[in-house]
Amino acid sequence: MSSESLHEDAGKLGPAVIDQHRAIVSLMEELEAVDWYNQRAKATGNPELRAILEHNRDEEKEHAAMALEWLRRSDPTLSKHLKTFLFTQGPITGIEATVEEKGGSGSAGVSDDGSLGIGSLRSAKPAAKVEGAK
């Protein structure tokens, strides 16, 4: 991999940058493992082996998600971008255009008043009682 080692003197970087580097390299390795397992699962003709490889691949996805979340929590700028683009609908580049039109402020899914646009739950009618429920 191109970024396994530091590109600058470790003494000049400090612990936070070194930990961030560790997390980035770990994320890269996890995603590479996902790719390898995915290729192996697709290539094998053995259904039992395919199931094992797919299971292993999905475990690597979990590890990648954990590393990404650690990075998000430790990097406010990355957090802002992830909150803007992840778990959205529509064209991804359209989200960027929408954010830029609004002055580049935060998440495209949240309105200026901080609401998600789902309305008040207080005025909602109570759910009908399910027959047989206590």
Protein backbone atom coordinates (compact mmCIF):
# COMPACT_ATOMS: atom_id res chain seq x y z
CA MET A 1 0.00 0.00 0.00
CA SER A 2 1.14 3.50 -0.70
CA SER A 3 0.44 4.98 2.76
CA GLU A 4 1.48 2.27 5.21
CA SER A 5 4.38 4.35 6.47
CA LEU A 6 4.46 7.95 7.57
CA HIS A 7 5.55 10.51 5.01
CA GLU A 8 6.83 12.96 7.62
CA ASP A 9 9.01 12.71 10.73
CA ALA A 10 6.88 11.12 13.48
CA GLY A 11 8.38 13.51 16.05
CA LYS A 12 6.83 16.46 14.24
CA LEU A 13 3.36 14.94 13.90
CA GLY A 14 2.11 14.36 17.42
CA PRO A 15 -0.06 11.56 18.82
CA ALA A 16 -3.36 12.71 17.28
CA VAL A 17 -2.01 12.71 13.72
CA ILE A 18 -0.31 9.35 14.25
CA ASP A 19 -3.53 7.81 15.59
CA GLN A 20 -5.46 9.26 12.67
CA HIS A 21 -2.90 7.71 10.31
CA ARG A 22 -3.31 4.35 12.05
CA ALA A 23 -7.07 4.52 11.61
CA ILE A 24 -6.80 5.54 7.94
CA VAL A 25 -4.39 2.69 7.19
CA SER A 26 -6.65 0.28 9.07
CA LEU A 27 -9.66 1.47 7.04
CA MET A 28 -7.70 1.00 3.82
CA GLU A 29 -6.70 -2.53 4.87
CA GLU A 30 -10.27 -3.45 5.81
CA LEU A 31 -11.63 -2.21 2.47
CA GLU A 32 -8.88 -4.07 0.63
CA ALA A 33 -9.84 -7.24 2.52
CA VAL A 34 -13.50 -6.68 1.51
CA ASP A 35 -12.37 -6.52 -2.11
CA TRP A 36 -10.25 -9.68 -1.82
CA TYR A 37 -12.99 -11.71 -0.14
CA ASN A 38 -15.54 -10.44 -2.65
CA GLN A 39 -13.36 -11.56 -5.56
CA ARG A 40 -12.69 -14.95 -3.98
CA ALA A 41 -16.38 -15.51 -3.24
CA LYS A 42 -17.33 -14.65 -6.81
CA ALA A 43 -14.59 -16.86 -8.29
CA THR A 44 -15.20 -20.05 -6.32
CA GLY A 45 -17.56 -22.71 -7.56
CA ASN A 46 -17.91 -24.23 -4.10
CA PRO A 47 -21.09 -22.95 -2.36
CA GLU A 48 -19.84 -23.75 1.16
CA LEU A 49 -16.56 -21.92 0.59
CA ARG A 50 -18.47 -19.01 -0.98
CA ALA A 51 -20.61 -18.72 2.16
CA ILE A 52 -17.51 -18.62 4.37
CA LEU A 53 -15.81 -16.02 2.18
CA GLU A 54 -18.94 -13.86 2.10
CA HIS A 55 -19.19 -14.10 5.90
CA ASN A 56 -15.55 -13.05 6.23
CA ARG A 57 -16.09 -10.19 3.76
CA ASP A 58 -19.03 -8.89 5.78
CA GLU A 59 -16.98 -9.00 8.99
CA GLU A 60 -14.39 -6.80 7.27
CA LYS A 61 -17.16 -4.34 6.36
CA GLU A 62 -18.03 -4.10 10.05
CA HIS A 63 -14.40 -3.38 10.90
CA ALA A 64 -14.24 -0.72 8.16
CA ALA A 65 -17.39 0.93 9.51
CA MET A 66 -15.91 1.03 13.01
CA ALA A 67 -12.68 2.63 11.77
CA LEU A 68 -14.64 5.16 9.71
CA GLU A 69 -16.76 6.08 12.73
CA TRP A 70 -13.63 6.60 14.83
CA LEU A 71 -12.24 8.88 12.12
CA ARG A 72 -15.54 10.78 11.93
CA ARG A 73 -15.57 11.35 15.68
CA SER A 74 -11.98 12.59 15.72
CA ASP A 75 -12.14 14.85 12.63
CA PRO A 76 -14.83 17.57 12.60
CA THR A 77 -14.38 18.34 8.89
CA LEU A 78 -14.73 14.69 7.90
CA SER A 79 -17.74 14.44 10.21
CA LYS A 80 -19.38 17.40 8.46
CA HIS A 81 -18.86 15.85 5.02
CA LEU A 82 -20.07 12.41 6.09
CA LYS A 83 -23.19 13.92 7.64
CA THR A 84 -23.81 15.78 4.38
CA PHE A 85 -23.45 12.85 1.99
CA LEU A 86 -24.17 9.59 3.83
CA PHE A 87 -27.65 8.09 4.02
CA THR A 88 -29.12 10.51 1.50
CA GLN A 89 -31.26 10.05 -1.60
CA GLY A 90 -30.83 11.35 -5.12
CA PRO A 91 -27.71 12.09 -7.14
CA ILE A 92 -24.66 12.50 -4.92
CA THR A 93 -23.34 15.46 -6.90
CA GLY A 94 -26.77 17.06 -6.56
CA ILE A 95 -26.34 17.00 -2.78
CA GLU A 96 -23.10 18.93 -3.13
CA ALA A 97 -24.82 21.50 -5.35
CA THR A 98 -27.64 21.88 -2.80
CA VAL A 99 -25.17 22.41 0.04
CA GLU A 100 -23.24 24.98 -1.99
CA GLU A 101 -26.47 26.84 -2.82
CA LYS A 102 -27.23 27.03 0.91
CA GLY A 103 -23.80 28.49 1.60
CA GLY A 104 -21.95 25.26 2.34
CA SER A 105 -23.55 24.75 5.71
CA GLY A 106 -23.58 21.21 7.05
CA SER A 107 -25.99 18.45 6.25
CA ALA A 108 -28.26 18.61 3.21
CA GLY A 109 -30.89 16.59 5.07
CA VAL A 110 -31.52 19.13 7.83
CA SER A 111 -33.40 22.38 7.23
CA ASP A 112 -32.23 25.79 8.43
CA ASP A 113 -34.34 25.48 11.61
CA GLY A 114 -32.67 22.15 12.47
CA SER A 115 -35.76 20.09 11.67
CA LEU A 116 -35.73 16.98 9.54
CA GLY A 117 -39.00 18.05 7.96
CA ILE A 118 -41.07 15.23 9.46
CA GLY A 119 -43.45 17.45 11.40
CA SER A 120 -44.64 17.23 14.97
CA LEU A 121 -45.27 13.89 16.58
CA ARG A 122 -47.38 15.54 19.29
CA SER A 123 -50.32 16.09 16.98
CA ALA A 124 -50.25 12.53 15.68
CA LYS A 125 -53.25 10.38 16.56
CA PRO A 126 -52.57 7.54 19.00
CA ALA A 127 -52.06 4.16 17.37
CA ALA A 128 -55.06 1.85 17.30
CA LYS A 129 -55.02 -0.77 20.01
CA VAL A 130 -53.97 -4.15 18.68
CA GLU A 131 -56.49 -6.85 19.40
CA GLY A 132 -55.23 -9.18 22.11
CA ALA A 133 -52.59 -6.70 23.33
CA LYS A 134 -52.40 -5.94 27.05
